[in-house]
Amino acid sequence: MYRKQVRRRRAVLALLVLTSFILLTATYGQQSGGLQRGVSAVFGPLQEGADRALKPARDLVNWFDQTFAARGDNKRLQQEVEQLRTKVAAGETALSENNQLRKLLGLRRAGKLPLGLTPVTGRVIARSPTVWYSTVTVDQGGGAGVQVNDPVINGDGLVGRVTSVTHSTSQVTLITDHTSAVSAMVVPDGIQGVIQPQVGNPTDLVLDFIDSSRHVHPGETVVTSGWKARGLSSLFPSGIPVGEVTRATVAEQEASQQVHVRPYADLRELEFVQVLTRGGS
C-alpha cells in the first residue's frame, strides 16, 4: 500500500515537471501565443505588485546615486570657479602693474623728469597701519642709492619724499600727510604757493599763500616750483606734476589766498613708484 502511494506521488511529480516544461517552452517559443498571454495574465498582477512594492527602494537608491553624483559635480565646479577667479585676479593685477610701469616709462620718455636725477623703480610693500594716506614703504633703499629727502613719483605725478632709509627699504611720506608741504606753482601763469593737505580729506590738496591779486582758474595744472635762494633749494625739483585745480573761487582766493587741487597720483592705489635719486645716471 505504501509503495503504491509512493509511485502515485512520483507520477504526479513527473507530470507536474513535464507540464511546467511544456508551459515554459510554449512561452518562450511563441512570442504572441495565447498560452503566453494566459501566463502573463496570471503572473502580471504579481509582477506589477512587486514593482510597486520595490519602487520606493529603487527610488531611494537612485536618489543616493544622483545626490553623490551632484555633490561630486558641485565640488568640481567650485574648484574650477576658484581656479578661474585666481587666474582673473592674477591677470587684473598684472594688467594694473603693467599700466603703472608703462606710465613711469612714458613719463621718462616724455622728458618730464627733472634733469640730473636718476629714477629707481620700487614696489610698495607696506602702508601706514593707522592712516593709509600718511606713509608707504618701498622695497628700495640705500643699497640702490636712495637717500632721505629724495622725491618720489609714480606715472601720474608727485607722491611724496623719502623720510627714512635702510639698506633695502625706504619709508615715503606722502604729500597727503599732515606734515607735508611742497613748493608749487600754477602753469602757465606761474602763480606760486605751497601745496598742503586738506585736513580730513586726503583727496583734496590746498595751494596756499598765493598772490590774491592774480586769479587761478579750475582745470589749470599745478607743478613743483623748485625754488633756489641763497644756497638753499626746495626738496622737490621743478616741473613734477602735482595735480589739477578743482575749485578756485574769487572770494576764497582774495580772503584766504588759496585754491583747491586734486592730486594726479591716486595715493590709495600705489603699487610702483620711482625714487628720484641724486646719484649718477
Protein backbone atom coordinates (compact mmCIF):
# COMPACT_ATOMS: atom_id res chain seq x y z
CA MET A 1 0.00 0.00 0.00
CA TYR A 2 2.80 2.35 0.90
CA ARG A 3 4.67 1.61 -2.33
CA LYS A 4 1.56 2.41 -4.39
CA GLN A 5 1.29 5.80 -2.73
CA VAL A 6 4.97 6.49 -3.45
CA ARG A 7 4.58 5.53 -7.11
CA ARG A 8 1.45 7.71 -7.38
CA ARG A 9 3.29 10.73 -5.90
CA ARG A 10 6.24 10.22 -8.24
CA ALA A 11 3.89 10.05 -11.21
CA VAL A 12 2.15 13.27 -10.15
CA LEU A 13 5.56 14.99 -9.66
CA ALA A 14 6.74 13.81 -13.07
CA LEU A 15 3.51 15.09 -14.63
CA LEU A 16 3.96 18.49 -12.98
CA VAL A 17 7.56 18.77 -14.14
CA LEU A 18 6.55 17.82 -17.69
CA THR A 19 3.66 20.29 -17.62
CA SER A 20 5.98 23.07 -16.40
CA PHE A 21 8.50 22.30 -19.13
CA ILE A 22 5.74 22.40 -21.77
CA LEU A 23 4.50 25.75 -20.41
CA LEU A 24 7.98 27.30 -20.42
CA THR A 25 8.65 26.02 -23.93
CA ALA A 26 5.38 27.40 -25.19
CA THR A 27 6.00 30.77 -23.53
CA TYR A 28 9.48 31.39 -24.96
CA GLY A 29 8.80 29.70 -28.28
CA GLN A 30 5.65 31.57 -29.19
CA GLN A 31 6.01 35.32 -28.66
CA SER A 32 2.38 36.15 -29.40
CA GLY A 33 0.70 32.88 -28.48
CA GLY A 34 -2.39 32.61 -26.35
CA LEU A 35 -0.59 30.50 -23.77
CA GLN A 36 1.90 33.31 -23.17
CA ARG A 37 -0.95 35.73 -22.71
CA GLY A 38 -2.52 33.41 -20.25
CA VAL A 39 0.69 33.10 -18.24
CA SER A 40 1.11 36.85 -18.38
CA ALA A 41 -2.44 37.30 -17.20
CA VAL A 42 -1.75 35.05 -14.24
CA PHE A 43 1.67 36.39 -13.23
CA GLY A 44 1.29 40.01 -14.47
CA PRO A 45 -0.51 41.30 -11.38
CA LEU A 46 2.09 39.63 -9.19
CA GLN A 47 4.93 41.31 -11.12
CA GLU A 48 3.16 44.69 -11.06
CA GLY A 49 2.64 44.39 -7.33
CA ALA A 50 6.28 43.51 -6.81
CA ASP A 51 7.33 46.51 -8.94
CA ARG A 52 5.16 48.83 -6.87
CA ALA A 53 6.45 47.39 -3.63
CA LEU A 54 10.08 47.74 -4.73
CA LYS A 55 9.70 51.21 -6.33
CA PRO A 56 10.44 53.20 -3.11
CA ALA A 57 13.60 51.21 -2.57
CA ARG A 58 14.71 51.77 -6.17
CA ASP A 59 13.89 55.48 -5.91
CA LEU A 60 15.90 55.73 -2.70
CA VAL A 61 18.91 54.06 -4.31
CA ASN A 62 18.62 56.35 -7.34
CA TRP A 63 18.35 59.41 -5.06
CA PHE A 64 21.57 58.48 -3.28
CA ASP A 65 23.33 57.90 -6.61
CA GLN A 66 22.15 61.24 -8.02
CA THR A 67 22.95 63.10 -4.78
CA PHE A 68 26.52 61.80 -4.62
CA ALA A 69 26.99 62.49 -8.33
CA ALA A 70 25.65 66.04 -7.92
CA ARG A 71 27.92 66.67 -4.93
CA GLY A 72 30.89 65.49 -6.94
CA ASP A 73 29.96 67.75 -9.85
CA ASN A 74 29.39 70.68 -7.48
CA LYS A 75 32.79 70.24 -5.84
CA ARG A 76 34.47 70.01 -9.22
CA LEU A 77 32.68 73.13 -10.46
CA GLN A 78 33.62 75.03 -7.29
CA GLN A 79 37.27 74.11 -7.82
CA GLU A 80 37.08 75.28 -11.43
CA VAL A 81 35.46 78.57 -10.35
CA GLU A 82 38.18 79.14 -7.74
CA GLN A 83 40.88 78.45 -10.31
CA LEU A 84 39.26 80.87 -12.76
CA ARG A 85 38.96 83.54 -10.06
CA THR A 86 42.62 83.13 -9.22
CA LYS A 87 43.57 83.47 -12.88
CA VAL A 88 41.34 86.54 -13.33
CA ALA A 89 42.76 88.19 -10.21
CA ALA A 90 46.32 87.47 -11.34
CA GLY A 91 45.53 88.84 -14.79
CA GLU A 92 43.97 92.02 -13.41
CA THR A 93 46.90 92.53 -11.05
CA ALA A 94 49.40 92.05 -13.87
CA LEU A 95 47.43 94.47 -16.07
CA SER A 96 47.36 97.10 -13.32
CA GLU A 97 51.08 96.74 -12.66
CA ASN A 98 51.83 96.85 -16.38
CA ASN A 99 49.82 100.08 -16.76
CA GLN A 100 51.67 101.73 -13.87
CA LEU A 101 55.06 100.71 -15.23
CA ARG A 102 54.08 101.97 -18.67
CA LYS A 103 53.15 105.34 -17.19
CA LEU A 104 56.51 105.57 -15.43
CA LEU A 105 58.31 104.73 -18.66
CA GLY A 106 56.19 107.24 -20.57
CA LEU A 107 56.97 109.96 -18.06
CA ARG A 108 60.67 109.38 -18.56
CA ARG A 109 60.48 109.18 -22.36
CA ALA A 110 58.44 112.38 -22.49
CA GLY A 111 61.28 114.22 -20.74
CA LYS A 112 59.10 115.24 -17.78
CA LEU A 113 61.59 114.04 -15.18
CA PRO A 114 63.98 116.65 -13.77
CA LEU A 115 67.49 116.56 -15.19
CA GLY A 116 70.35 115.29 -13.05
CA LEU A 117 68.23 112.78 -11.13
CA THR A 118 68.32 109.01 -11.55
CA PRO A 119 64.99 107.19 -11.14
CA VAL A 120 64.99 103.99 -9.07
CA THR A 121 61.83 101.95 -9.52
CA GLY A 122 60.42 100.22 -6.45
CA ARG A 123 57.33 98.34 -5.34
CA VAL A 124 55.17 99.44 -2.42
CA ILE A 125 55.40 96.65 0.16
CA ALA A 126 53.68 98.23 3.17
CA ARG A 127 51.35 101.06 4.10
CA SER A 128 50.74 103.07 7.23
CA PRO A 129 48.91 100.83 9.73
CA THR A 130 46.94 103.79 11.11
CA VAL A 131 46.37 106.31 8.32
CA TRP A 132 46.52 104.96 4.75
CA TYR A 133 47.34 108.38 3.25
CA SER A 134 50.31 109.03 5.55
CA THR A 135 53.28 106.78 4.59
CA VAL A 136 54.24 103.79 2.47
CA THR A 137 57.29 101.55 2.45
CA VAL A 138 59.17 100.77 -0.77
CA ASP A 139 61.48 97.82 -1.48
CA GLN A 140 64.42 100.04 -2.50
CA GLY A 141 66.85 101.61 -0.06
CA GLY A 142 70.37 102.83 0.50
CA GLY A 143 71.80 99.90 -1.42
CA ALA A 144 70.17 101.32 -4.57
CA GLY A 145 71.36 104.88 -3.89
CA VAL A 146 68.18 106.11 -2.18
CA GLN A 147 68.65 108.90 0.37
CA VAL A 148 66.46 110.82 2.79
CA ASN A 149 64.52 113.69 1.13
CA ASP A 150 64.67 112.14 -2.35
CA PRO A 151 61.41 112.97 -4.16
CA VAL A 152 59.10 110.08 -5.07
CA ILE A 153 56.74 109.92 -8.04
CA ASN A 154 54.55 107.46 -9.90
CA GLY A 155 53.37 107.52 -13.50
CA ASP A 156 50.84 110.27 -12.76
CA GLY A 157 52.81 112.71 -10.68
CA LEU A 158 54.30 113.57 -7.29
CA VAL A 159 53.76 111.05 -4.48
CA GLY A 160 55.94 112.32 -1.64
CA ARG A 161 59.51 112.19 -0.36
CA VAL A 162 61.78 109.67 1.37
CA THR A 163 61.91 110.25 5.13
CA SER A 164 63.86 107.20 6.35
CA VAL A 165 66.13 104.62 4.70
CA THR A 166 67.52 101.16 5.40
CA HIS A 167 69.81 99.21 3.12
CA SER A 168 66.92 97.58 1.24
CA THR A 169 63.80 99.65 2.06
CA SER A 170 62.64 103.26 2.27
CA GLN A 171 59.77 104.96 4.02
CA VAL A 172 57.96 107.55 1.92
CA THR A 173 55.90 110.32 3.49
CA LEU A 174 53.04 111.12 1.11
CA ILE A 175 52.00 114.61 0.06
CA THR A 176 48.68 113.96 1.84
CA ASP A 177 50.40 113.57 5.22
CA HIS A 178 49.75 116.46 7.63
CA THR A 179 53.50 117.24 7.82
CA SER A 180 53.88 117.62 4.06
CA ALA A 181 54.49 120.96 2.33
CA VAL A 182 55.52 121.31 -1.32
CA SER A 183 56.50 124.48 -3.13
CA ALA A 184 54.38 124.61 -6.27
CA MET A 185 53.09 126.87 -8.99
CA VAL A 186 50.23 127.08 -11.44
CA VAL A 187 51.20 126.79 -15.10
CA PRO A 188 51.40 128.52 -17.43
CA ASP A 189 50.71 131.68 -15.37
CA GLY A 190 53.44 130.95 -12.81
CA ILE A 191 51.33 131.77 -9.75
CA GLN A 192 53.22 130.25 -6.80
CA GLY A 193 52.22 128.89 -3.43
CA VAL A 194 52.62 125.91 -1.10
CA ILE A 195 50.76 122.62 -1.54
CA GLN A 196 49.41 121.29 1.75
CA PRO A 197 46.90 118.53 2.57
CA GLN A 198 43.31 119.42 3.35
CA VAL A 199 42.60 118.21 6.88
CA GLY A 200 40.16 115.29 6.86
CA ASN A 201 40.14 114.91 3.08
CA PRO A 202 43.24 113.27 1.61
CA THR A 203 41.93 113.52 -1.95
CA ASP A 204 41.90 117.31 -1.70
CA LEU A 205 45.05 119.46 -1.52
CA VAL A 206 45.26 123.19 -0.92
CA LEU A 207 47.55 125.55 -2.81
CA ASP A 208 48.06 128.13 -0.12
CA PHE A 209 49.75 131.56 0.16
CA ILE A 210 49.08 132.55 -3.44
CA ASP A 211 49.07 136.12 -4.69
CA SER A 212 45.49 137.27 -4.12
CA SER A 213 45.75 139.80 -6.93
CA ARG A 214 46.22 137.07 -9.54
CA HIS A 215 43.33 134.70 -10.14
CA VAL A 216 43.66 130.93 -10.62
CA HIS A 217 41.04 129.03 -12.62
CA PRO A 218 39.69 125.46 -12.35
CA GLY A 219 41.32 122.99 -14.70
CA GLU A 220 44.78 124.59 -14.54
CA THR A 221 47.82 122.42 -13.81
CA VAL A 222 49.95 122.62 -10.69
CA VAL A 223 53.60 121.50 -10.72
CA THR A 224 56.52 121.72 -8.32
CA SER A 225 58.27 125.08 -8.47
CA GLY A 226 61.74 124.01 -7.33
CA TRP A 227 62.91 127.31 -5.90
CA LYS A 228 66.52 128.18 -5.12
CA ALA A 229 67.71 131.09 -2.96
CA ARG A 230 70.98 131.92 -1.18
CA GLY A 231 72.38 128.43 -1.45
CA LEU A 232 69.15 126.79 -0.39
CA SER A 233 66.77 124.88 -2.64
CA SER A 234 63.45 123.11 -2.48
CA LEU A 235 63.43 119.40 -1.70
CA PHE A 236 61.43 118.91 -4.89
CA PRO A 237 62.94 119.91 -8.26
CA SER A 238 60.81 121.98 -10.61
CA GLY A 239 58.39 120.59 -13.14
CA ILE A 240 57.00 117.49 -11.42
CA PRO A 241 53.20 117.31 -11.98
CA VAL A 242 51.26 117.61 -8.73
CA GLY A 243 47.59 117.98 -9.61
CA GLU A 244 44.76 119.95 -11.16
CA VAL A 245 42.90 122.94 -9.75
CA THR A 246 39.35 121.87 -8.91
CA ARG A 247 37.91 124.83 -7.02
CA ALA A 248 39.10 128.42 -7.23
CA THR A 249 36.50 130.99 -6.25
CA VAL A 250 37.48 134.63 -6.35
CA ALA A 251 36.20 135.15 -2.81
CA GLU A 252 38.33 132.30 -1.41
CA GLN A 253 41.42 133.49 -3.28
CA GLU A 254 41.07 137.04 -2.04
CA ALA A 255 40.11 136.14 1.53
CA SER A 256 42.23 133.02 2.18
CA GLN A 257 44.78 133.19 -0.63
CA GLN A 258 44.18 129.55 -1.54
CA VAL A 259 42.63 127.24 -4.13
CA HIS A 260 41.85 123.51 -4.07
CA VAL A 261 43.82 120.93 -6.04
CA ARG A 262 43.15 117.27 -6.82
CA PRO A 263 46.40 115.25 -6.88
CA TYR A 264 47.16 113.41 -10.11
CA ALA A 265 48.53 110.38 -8.26
CA ASP A 266 45.95 108.05 -6.71
CA LEU A 267 47.67 107.52 -3.37
CA ARG A 268 45.24 104.75 -2.42
CA GLU A 269 46.32 102.54 -5.33
CA LEU A 270 50.11 102.83 -5.28
CA GLU A 271 51.89 99.69 -6.49
CA PHE A 272 55.05 101.00 -8.20
CA VAL A 273 56.88 104.27 -7.61
CA GLN A 274 60.16 105.85 -8.64
CA VAL A 275 62.57 107.46 -6.24
CA LEU A 276 64.44 110.30 -7.95
CA THR A 277 67.93 109.80 -6.57
CA ARG A 278 70.76 112.28 -6.82
CA GLY A 279 73.32 109.67 -7.85
CA GLY A 280 74.97 109.48 -11.24
CA SER A 281 72.97 108.43 -14.26
